[in-house]
Amino acid sequence: AEDLYLGIKWGLPAQEGILPEMALITQMTVPSGDDAFTAGETLPGVVWLYGWDVNDWISTAGQTKADRAIDDVTGDPFVEVSQSWTVGYSLAESLGAYTECCVFAPDGADTNHTENYADGGFTYSVTNNLPLERCAGMGVNEAADDYFIGSGFAIRR
């Protein structure tokens, strides 16, 4: 397993006309993963989220993110900037799905290269305050990992 990802999501203005709903996440990973997957130190970051409900069953959103990261070979720190775009689908009252494309661009890395991915997943809301997620994706350029799978949850207070 990779390092644990912890964050706090701060709600910003709701969607109004063409202006998107927005939020900010202050977050970090903490060294807790398997030796092969841990960064070995706390890595902070910030995420800006923005999205629009198109109608009752489709939405679209983006995220712009900057994180401290560690170069895979040299171990030197750098800033990784990422951008993603998602289309979400409401399948039932508590069940949703999404498709997404994203790019991770290292700034100041010695050996890490830009990675591009395509992925999708399902969300299930156990309650309004406890959503669960399962996802899978694949790399679409040579620098990206061939595939990944994941799961997650959030607790809203």
N, C-alpha and C. Protein backbone atom coordinates (compact mmCIF):
# COMPACT_ATOMS: atom_id res chain seq x y z
N ALA A 1 0.84 -1.19 0.00
CA ALA A 1 0.00 0.00 0.00
C ALA A 1 0.88 1.25 0.00
N GLU A 2 0.35 2.33 -0.55
CA GLU A 2 1.05 3.60 -0.58
C GLU A 2 0.87 4.33 0.75
N ASP A 3 1.51 5.50 0.88
CA ASP A 3 1.37 6.33 2.07
C ASP A 3 -0.07 6.81 2.23
N LEU A 4 -0.49 6.99 3.46
CA LEU A 4 -1.83 7.46 3.79
C LEU A 4 -1.99 8.92 3.35
N TYR A 5 -3.11 9.21 2.71
CA TYR A 5 -3.44 10.56 2.24
C TYR A 5 -4.48 11.15 3.20
N LEU A 6 -4.16 12.27 3.82
CA LEU A 6 -5.06 12.94 4.74
C LEU A 6 -5.33 14.35 4.23
N GLY A 7 -6.56 14.82 4.37
CA GLY A 7 -6.87 16.17 3.91
C GLY A 7 -8.12 16.73 4.55
N ILE A 8 -8.25 18.04 4.43
CA ILE A 8 -9.45 18.75 4.89
C ILE A 8 -9.97 19.55 3.70
N LYS A 9 -11.26 19.38 3.43
CA LYS A 9 -11.90 20.07 2.31
C LYS A 9 -12.65 21.29 2.84
N TRP A 10 -12.35 22.45 2.26
CA TRP A 10 -12.95 23.71 2.66
C TRP A 10 -13.91 24.14 1.57
N GLY A 11 -15.21 24.22 1.90
CA GLY A 11 -16.22 24.63 0.93
C GLY A 11 -16.09 26.11 0.59
N LEU A 12 -16.18 26.43 -0.68
CA LEU A 12 -16.18 27.80 -1.18
C LEU A 12 -17.54 28.05 -1.83
N PRO A 13 -17.74 29.10 -2.60
CA PRO A 13 -19.09 29.40 -3.12
C PRO A 13 -19.71 28.26 -3.91
N ALA A 14 -21.04 28.16 -3.81
CA ALA A 14 -21.81 27.18 -4.58
C ALA A 14 -21.94 27.67 -6.02
N GLN A 15 -22.33 26.77 -6.91
CA GLN A 15 -22.54 27.12 -8.31
C GLN A 15 -23.61 28.20 -8.42
N GLU A 16 -23.30 29.22 -9.22
CA GLU A 16 -24.27 30.28 -9.48
C GLU A 16 -24.14 30.69 -10.95
N GLY A 17 -25.11 30.26 -11.76
CA GLY A 17 -25.03 30.53 -13.19
C GLY A 17 -23.85 29.80 -13.81
N ILE A 18 -23.00 30.57 -14.51
CA ILE A 18 -21.83 29.94 -15.14
C ILE A 18 -20.65 29.80 -14.19
N LEU A 19 -20.74 30.39 -13.00
CA LEU A 19 -19.67 30.26 -12.02
C LEU A 19 -19.77 28.89 -11.34
N PRO A 20 -18.66 28.17 -11.25
CA PRO A 20 -18.72 26.81 -10.70
C PRO A 20 -18.81 26.78 -9.18
N GLU A 21 -19.27 25.66 -8.66
CA GLU A 21 -19.10 25.37 -7.24
C GLU A 21 -17.61 25.12 -7.03
N MET A 22 -17.07 25.60 -5.90
CA MET A 22 -15.62 25.46 -5.68
C MET A 22 -15.33 24.99 -4.26
N ALA A 23 -14.15 24.39 -4.12
CA ALA A 23 -13.65 23.97 -2.81
C ALA A 23 -12.13 23.96 -2.87
N LEU A 24 -11.53 23.99 -1.70
CA LEU A 24 -10.08 23.92 -1.56
C LEU A 24 -9.76 22.78 -0.60
N ILE A 25 -8.78 21.95 -0.95
CA ILE A 25 -8.36 20.87 -0.06
C ILE A 25 -6.91 21.13 0.34
N THR A 26 -6.68 21.23 1.64
CA THR A 26 -5.32 21.22 2.15
C THR A 26 -5.04 19.78 2.56
N GLN A 27 -3.92 19.23 2.09
CA GLN A 27 -3.72 17.80 2.28
C GLN A 27 -2.25 17.46 2.41
N MET A 28 -2.02 16.20 2.75
CA MET A 28 -0.66 15.68 2.84
C MET A 28 -0.70 14.16 2.80
N THR A 29 0.42 13.58 2.38
CA THR A 29 0.60 12.15 2.57
C THR A 29 1.56 11.99 3.75
N VAL A 30 1.34 10.96 4.54
CA VAL A 30 2.20 10.69 5.69
C VAL A 30 2.88 9.34 5.49
N PRO A 31 4.15 9.23 5.86
CA PRO A 31 4.89 7.99 5.61
C PRO A 31 4.31 6.82 6.39
N SER A 32 3.59 5.97 5.69
CA SER A 32 2.94 4.83 6.33
C SER A 32 2.87 3.64 5.39
N GLY A 33 3.30 3.80 4.15
CA GLY A 33 3.17 2.75 3.15
C GLY A 33 4.27 1.71 3.23
N ASP A 34 4.10 0.70 2.41
CA ASP A 34 5.08 -0.36 2.26
C ASP A 34 6.41 0.25 1.82
N ASP A 35 7.52 -0.37 2.17
CA ASP A 35 8.84 0.17 1.84
C ASP A 35 8.99 0.49 0.35
N ALA A 36 8.39 -0.31 -0.51
CA ALA A 36 8.50 -0.08 -1.95
C ALA A 36 7.68 1.11 -2.43
N PHE A 37 6.73 1.59 -1.62
CA PHE A 37 5.80 2.63 -2.08
C PHE A 37 5.80 3.90 -1.24
N THR A 38 6.55 3.95 -0.17
CA THR A 38 6.52 5.12 0.71
C THR A 38 7.51 6.19 0.25
N ALA A 39 7.17 7.45 0.47
CA ALA A 39 8.10 8.54 0.21
C ALA A 39 9.07 8.70 1.38
N GLY A 40 8.70 8.17 2.54
CA GLY A 40 9.57 8.24 3.70
C GLY A 40 9.51 9.57 4.43
N GLU A 41 8.64 10.47 4.01
CA GLU A 41 8.47 11.76 4.67
C GLU A 41 7.09 12.32 4.36
N THR A 42 6.66 13.30 5.15
CA THR A 42 5.37 13.96 4.93
C THR A 42 5.47 14.87 3.70
N LEU A 43 4.48 14.78 2.80
CA LEU A 43 4.48 15.57 1.57
C LEU A 43 3.19 16.38 1.50
N PRO A 44 3.26 17.70 1.77
CA PRO A 44 2.06 18.53 1.76
C PRO A 44 1.65 18.96 0.35
N GLY A 45 0.40 19.41 0.24
CA GLY A 45 -0.10 19.91 -1.04
C GLY A 45 -1.41 20.65 -0.88
N VAL A 46 -1.86 21.21 -1.99
CA VAL A 46 -3.12 21.94 -2.02
C VAL A 46 -3.85 21.61 -3.33
N VAL A 47 -5.18 21.52 -3.25
CA VAL A 47 -6.00 21.18 -4.41
C VAL A 47 -7.13 22.20 -4.53
N TRP A 48 -7.32 22.74 -5.74
CA TRP A 48 -8.47 23.61 -6.04
C TRP A 48 -9.43 22.80 -6.88
N LEU A 49 -10.66 22.64 -6.40
CA LEU A 49 -11.71 21.89 -7.09
C LEU A 49 -12.77 22.84 -7.61
N TYR A 50 -13.33 22.54 -8.78
CA TYR A 50 -14.39 23.37 -9.35
C TYR A 50 -15.25 22.48 -10.25
N GLY A 51 -16.56 22.72 -10.22
CA GLY A 51 -17.44 21.87 -10.99
C GLY A 51 -18.81 22.46 -11.22
N TRP A 52 -19.50 21.89 -12.19
CA TRP A 52 -20.82 22.34 -12.60
C TRP A 52 -21.77 21.15 -12.70
N ASP A 53 -22.98 21.30 -12.16
CA ASP A 53 -24.05 20.35 -12.43
C ASP A 53 -24.69 20.78 -13.74
N VAL A 54 -24.63 19.92 -14.76
CA VAL A 54 -25.19 20.24 -16.07
C VAL A 54 -26.70 20.03 -16.04
N ASN A 55 -27.13 18.91 -15.49
CA ASN A 55 -28.55 18.62 -15.28
C ASN A 55 -28.66 17.64 -14.11
N ASP A 56 -29.79 16.96 -13.96
CA ASP A 56 -30.00 16.08 -12.81
C ASP A 56 -29.11 14.83 -12.82
N TRP A 57 -28.57 14.44 -13.97
CA TRP A 57 -27.82 13.19 -14.01
C TRP A 57 -26.39 13.31 -14.53
N ILE A 58 -25.96 14.50 -14.94
CA ILE A 58 -24.59 14.65 -15.43
C ILE A 58 -23.95 15.92 -14.85
N SER A 59 -22.68 15.79 -14.53
CA SER A 59 -21.91 16.93 -14.01
C SER A 59 -20.52 16.88 -14.63
N THR A 60 -19.81 17.98 -14.52
CA THR A 60 -18.44 18.03 -15.00
C THR A 60 -17.61 18.85 -14.01
N ALA A 61 -16.35 18.49 -13.87
CA ALA A 61 -15.53 19.15 -12.86
C ALA A 61 -14.05 19.05 -13.22
N GLY A 62 -13.28 19.90 -12.59
CA GLY A 62 -11.83 19.86 -12.75
C GLY A 62 -11.16 20.03 -11.41
N GLN A 63 -9.87 19.71 -11.41
CA GLN A 63 -9.07 19.94 -10.21
C GLN A 63 -7.67 20.35 -10.65
N THR A 64 -7.15 21.35 -9.97
CA THR A 64 -5.78 21.81 -10.18
C THR A 64 -5.05 21.62 -8.86
N LYS A 65 -3.90 20.96 -8.92
CA LYS A 65 -3.26 20.50 -7.69
C LYS A 65 -1.76 20.77 -7.74
N ALA A 66 -1.17 21.09 -6.60
CA ALA A 66 0.28 21.20 -6.47
C ALA A 66 0.70 20.48 -5.19
N ASP A 67 1.69 19.59 -5.33
CA ASP A 67 2.17 18.77 -4.21
C ASP A 67 3.69 18.78 -4.16
N ARG A 68 4.21 18.66 -2.97
CA ARG A 68 5.64 18.36 -2.82
C ARG A 68 5.79 16.88 -3.15
N ALA A 69 6.81 16.53 -3.93
CA ALA A 69 7.05 15.14 -4.32
C ALA A 69 8.54 14.86 -4.23
N ILE A 70 8.88 13.59 -4.32
CA ILE A 70 10.27 13.15 -4.23
C ILE A 70 10.65 12.47 -5.54
N ASP A 71 11.79 12.87 -6.13
CA ASP A 71 12.28 12.26 -7.36
C ASP A 71 12.54 10.77 -7.15
N ASP A 72 12.07 9.95 -8.09
CA ASP A 72 12.18 8.49 -7.96
C ASP A 72 13.62 8.00 -7.86
N VAL A 73 14.54 8.66 -8.53
CA VAL A 73 15.92 8.18 -8.58
C VAL A 73 16.83 8.92 -7.61
N THR A 74 16.80 10.25 -7.65
CA THR A 74 17.74 11.03 -6.84
C THR A 74 17.28 11.25 -5.41
N GLY A 75 15.96 11.15 -5.16
CA GLY A 75 15.42 11.41 -3.83
C GLY A 75 15.28 12.89 -3.51
N ASP A 76 15.54 13.75 -4.50
CA ASP A 76 15.44 15.19 -4.30
C ASP A 76 13.98 15.64 -4.39
N PRO A 77 13.58 16.66 -3.62
CA PRO A 77 12.20 17.14 -3.68
C PRO A 77 11.95 18.01 -4.92
N PHE A 78 10.71 18.04 -5.36
CA PHE A 78 10.26 18.91 -6.44
C PHE A 78 8.77 19.17 -6.27
N VAL A 79 8.21 20.04 -7.09
CA VAL A 79 6.78 20.34 -7.07
C VAL A 79 6.13 19.60 -8.23
N GLU A 80 5.08 18.83 -7.92
CA GLU A 80 4.33 18.16 -8.97
C GLU A 80 2.99 18.87 -9.12
N VAL A 81 2.74 19.37 -10.31
CA VAL A 81 1.48 20.03 -10.64
C VAL A 81 0.64 19.05 -11.42
N SER A 82 -0.64 18.96 -11.07
CA SER A 82 -1.52 18.05 -11.82
C SER A 82 -2.81 18.76 -12.19
N GLN A 83 -3.42 18.27 -13.26
CA GLN A 83 -4.69 18.79 -13.74
C GLN A 83 -5.55 17.62 -14.15
N SER A 84 -6.80 17.63 -13.77
CA SER A 84 -7.72 16.57 -14.21
C SER A 84 -9.05 17.17 -14.63
N TRP A 85 -9.75 16.42 -15.45
CA TRP A 85 -11.11 16.79 -15.86
C TRP A 85 -11.97 15.54 -15.79
N THR A 86 -13.16 15.67 -15.19
CA THR A 86 -14.04 14.55 -14.92
C THR A 86 -15.44 14.84 -15.43
N VAL A 87 -16.10 13.79 -15.91
CA VAL A 87 -17.53 13.84 -16.20
C VAL A 87 -18.18 12.82 -15.29
N GLY A 88 -19.16 13.27 -14.49
CA GLY A 88 -19.84 12.40 -13.53
C GLY A 88 -21.25 12.08 -13.99
N TYR A 89 -21.71 10.89 -13.63
CA TYR A 89 -23.02 10.39 -14.04
C TYR A 89 -23.77 9.89 -12.82
N SER A 90 -24.99 10.34 -12.62
CA SER A 90 -25.83 9.86 -11.53
C SER A 90 -26.61 8.66 -12.05
N LEU A 91 -26.34 7.47 -11.51
CA LEU A 91 -26.98 6.25 -11.97
C LEU A 91 -28.22 5.90 -11.16
N ALA A 92 -28.22 6.24 -9.90
CA ALA A 92 -29.34 6.02 -8.98
C ALA A 92 -29.15 7.00 -7.83
N GLU A 93 -30.08 7.00 -6.89
CA GLU A 93 -30.02 7.99 -5.81
C GLU A 93 -28.68 7.97 -5.07
N SER A 94 -28.12 6.80 -4.79
CA SER A 94 -26.88 6.70 -4.03
C SER A 94 -25.70 6.21 -4.86
N LEU A 95 -25.91 5.93 -6.14
CA LEU A 95 -24.88 5.34 -6.98
C LEU A 95 -24.51 6.27 -8.13
N GLY A 96 -23.21 6.48 -8.30
CA GLY A 96 -22.72 7.32 -9.38
C GLY A 96 -21.54 6.67 -10.08
N ALA A 97 -21.17 7.24 -11.22
CA ALA A 97 -20.01 6.78 -11.97
C ALA A 97 -19.31 8.01 -12.53
N TYR A 98 -18.07 7.83 -12.95
CA TYR A 98 -17.35 8.94 -13.56
C TYR A 98 -16.28 8.43 -14.52
N THR A 99 -15.91 9.28 -15.46
CA THR A 99 -14.77 9.07 -16.33
C THR A 99 -13.87 10.29 -16.17
N GLU A 100 -12.56 10.10 -16.35
CA GLU A 100 -11.64 11.18 -16.04
C GLU A 100 -10.38 11.05 -16.89
N CYS A 101 -9.77 12.18 -17.19
CA CYS A 101 -8.42 12.20 -17.75
C CYS A 101 -7.60 13.14 -16.88
N CYS A 102 -6.31 12.82 -16.73
CA CYS A 102 -5.48 13.65 -15.87
C CYS A 102 -4.02 13.61 -16.32
N VAL A 103 -3.30 14.64 -15.92
CA VAL A 103 -1.87 14.76 -16.22
C VAL A 103 -1.14 15.16 -14.95
N PHE A 104 0.03 14.57 -14.74
CA PHE A 104 0.92 14.91 -13.63
C PHE A 104 2.21 15.45 -14.23
N ALA A 105 2.54 16.70 -13.94
CA ALA A 105 3.69 17.36 -14.54
C ALA A 105 4.69 17.77 -13.47
N PRO A 106 5.85 17.13 -13.43
CA PRO A 106 6.86 17.48 -12.43
C PRO A 106 7.59 18.77 -12.81
N ASP A 107 7.76 19.65 -11.83
CA ASP A 107 8.50 20.89 -12.03
C ASP A 107 9.73 20.85 -11.15
N GLY A 108 10.89 20.74 -11.76
CA GLY A 108 12.13 20.69 -10.99
C GLY A 108 12.60 19.28 -10.68
N ALA A 109 11.96 18.27 -11.24
CA ALA A 109 12.39 16.89 -11.00
C ALA A 109 13.61 16.57 -11.84
N ASP A 110 14.48 15.71 -11.33
CA ASP A 110 15.66 15.29 -12.07
C ASP A 110 15.35 14.20 -13.08
N THR A 111 14.53 13.23 -12.68
CA THR A 111 14.29 12.09 -13.57
C THR A 111 12.81 11.81 -13.83
N ASN A 112 11.89 12.30 -13.01
CA ASN A 112 10.47 12.05 -13.23
C ASN A 112 10.00 12.82 -14.47
N HIS A 113 9.06 12.20 -15.21
CA HIS A 113 8.55 12.80 -16.44
C HIS A 113 7.03 12.96 -16.35
N THR A 114 6.48 13.77 -17.23
CA THR A 114 5.03 13.99 -17.28
C THR A 114 4.32 12.67 -17.55
N GLU A 115 3.25 12.42 -16.78
CA GLU A 115 2.45 11.19 -16.91
C GLU A 115 1.01 11.57 -17.23
N ASN A 116 0.40 10.83 -18.18
CA ASN A 116 -1.00 11.04 -18.57
C ASN A 116 -1.79 9.76 -18.31
N TYR A 117 -3.03 9.94 -17.79
CA TYR A 117 -3.87 8.80 -17.43
C TYR A 117 -5.31 8.99 -17.88
N ALA A 118 -6.00 7.88 -18.09
CA ALA A 118 -7.45 7.84 -18.28
C ALA A 118 -8.00 6.85 -17.27
N ASP A 119 -9.09 7.21 -16.60
CA ASP A 119 -9.63 6.31 -15.58
C ASP A 119 -11.13 6.51 -15.43
N GLY A 120 -11.70 5.68 -14.61
CA GLY A 120 -13.12 5.76 -14.30
C GLY A 120 -13.41 5.01 -13.03
N GLY A 121 -14.61 5.20 -12.53
CA GLY A 121 -14.94 4.53 -11.29
C GLY A 121 -16.39 4.68 -10.91
N PHE A 122 -16.71 4.12 -9.77
CA PHE A 122 -18.05 4.17 -9.21
C PHE A 122 -18.00 4.75 -7.81
N THR A 123 -19.05 5.47 -7.45
CA THR A 123 -19.20 6.00 -6.10
C THR A 123 -20.52 5.49 -5.52
N TYR A 124 -20.50 5.23 -4.24
CA TYR A 124 -21.71 4.82 -3.54
C TYR A 124 -21.79 5.59 -2.23
N SER A 125 -22.90 6.26 -2.01
CA SER A 125 -23.10 7.02 -0.77
C SER A 125 -23.83 6.15 0.25
N VAL A 126 -23.09 5.69 1.24
CA VAL A 126 -23.70 4.93 2.33
C VAL A 126 -24.68 5.84 3.06
N THR A 127 -24.23 7.08 3.34
CA THR A 127 -25.07 8.16 3.85
C THR A 127 -24.60 9.43 3.13
N ASN A 128 -25.27 10.55 3.36
CA ASN A 128 -24.83 11.81 2.77
C ASN A 128 -23.44 12.21 3.25
N ASN A 129 -23.01 11.67 4.38
CA ASN A 129 -21.72 12.02 4.96
C ASN A 129 -20.65 10.93 4.82
N LEU A 130 -20.96 9.84 4.11
CA LEU A 130 -20.01 8.75 3.96
C LEU A 130 -20.06 8.16 2.55
N PRO A 131 -19.33 8.78 1.59
CA PRO A 131 -19.25 8.20 0.25
C PRO A 131 -18.09 7.22 0.13
N LEU A 132 -18.28 6.16 -0.65
CA LEU A 132 -17.26 5.17 -0.95
C LEU A 132 -16.93 5.24 -2.44
N GLU A 133 -15.70 4.86 -2.82
CA GLU A 133 -15.29 4.93 -4.22
C GLU A 133 -14.44 3.74 -4.60
N ARG A 134 -14.61 3.24 -5.82
CA ARG A 134 -13.74 2.23 -6.45
C ARG A 134 -13.38 2.77 -7.82
N CYS A 135 -12.10 2.65 -8.21
CA CYS A 135 -11.68 3.18 -9.50
C CYS A 135 -10.61 2.30 -10.12
N ALA A 136 -10.43 2.47 -11.43
CA ALA A 136 -9.38 1.80 -12.18
C ALA A 136 -9.00 2.68 -13.35
N GLY A 137 -7.76 2.61 -13.74
CA GLY A 137 -7.32 3.43 -14.86
C GLY A 137 -6.06 2.88 -15.49
N MET A 138 -5.63 3.58 -16.56
CA MET A 138 -4.45 3.15 -17.29
C MET A 138 -3.65 4.36 -17.74
N GLY A 139 -2.34 4.17 -17.85
CA GLY A 139 -1.48 5.21 -18.36
C GLY A 139 -1.62 5.29 -19.87
N VAL A 140 -1.51 6.50 -20.42
CA VAL A 140 -1.65 6.68 -21.86
C VAL A 140 -0.39 7.26 -22.51
N ASN A 141 0.70 7.31 -21.75
CA ASN A 141 1.99 7.64 -22.36
C ASN A 141 3.06 6.75 -21.72
N GLU A 142 4.26 6.76 -22.28
CA GLU A 142 5.30 5.84 -21.84
C GLU A 142 5.73 6.04 -20.40
N ALA A 143 5.73 7.28 -19.91
CA ALA A 143 6.19 7.56 -18.54
C ALA A 143 5.18 7.11 -17.48
N ALA A 144 3.92 6.97 -17.86
CA ALA A 144 2.85 6.62 -16.90
C ALA A 144 2.89 5.14 -16.55
N ASP A 145 2.36 4.81 -15.35
CA ASP A 145 2.18 3.42 -14.97
C ASP A 145 1.20 2.77 -15.95
N ASP A 146 1.35 1.47 -16.17
CA ASP A 146 0.48 0.77 -17.12
C ASP A 146 -0.98 0.79 -16.68
N TYR A 147 -1.23 0.56 -15.38
CA TYR A 147 -2.60 0.52 -14.87
C TYR A 147 -2.57 0.80 -13.37
N PHE A 148 -3.75 1.07 -12.81
CA PHE A 148 -3.89 1.20 -11.37
C PHE A 148 -5.33 0.89 -10.99
N ILE A 149 -5.51 0.50 -9.73
CA ILE A 149 -6.83 0.33 -9.14
C ILE A 149 -6.79 1.02 -7.79
N GLY A 150 -7.95 1.43 -7.31
CA GLY A 150 -7.97 2.10 -6.02
C GLY A 150 -9.34 2.08 -5.38
N SER A 151 -9.37 2.46 -4.13
CA SER A 151 -10.61 2.61 -3.40
C SER A 151 -10.40 3.72 -2.38
N GLY A 152 -11.48 4.29 -1.92
CA GLY A 152 -11.37 5.34 -0.94
C GLY A 152 -12.70 5.65 -0.29
N PHE A 153 -12.65 6.52 0.68
CA PHE A 153 -13.85 6.99 1.35
C PHE A 153 -13.56 8.37 1.91
N ALA A 154 -14.61 9.07 2.25
CA ALA A 154 -14.49 10.38 2.90
C ALA A 154 -15.52 10.46 4.01
N ILE A 155 -15.22 11.23 5.01
CA ILE A 155 -16.17 11.47 6.10
C ILE A 155 -16.43 12.95 6.15
N ARG A 156 -17.68 13.33 5.94
CA ARG A 156 -18.05 14.75 5.99
C ARG A 156 -18.63 15.06 7.35
N ARG A 157 -18.14 16.17 7.92
CA ARG A 157 -18.63 16.59 9.23
C ARG A 157 -19.41 17.86 9.11
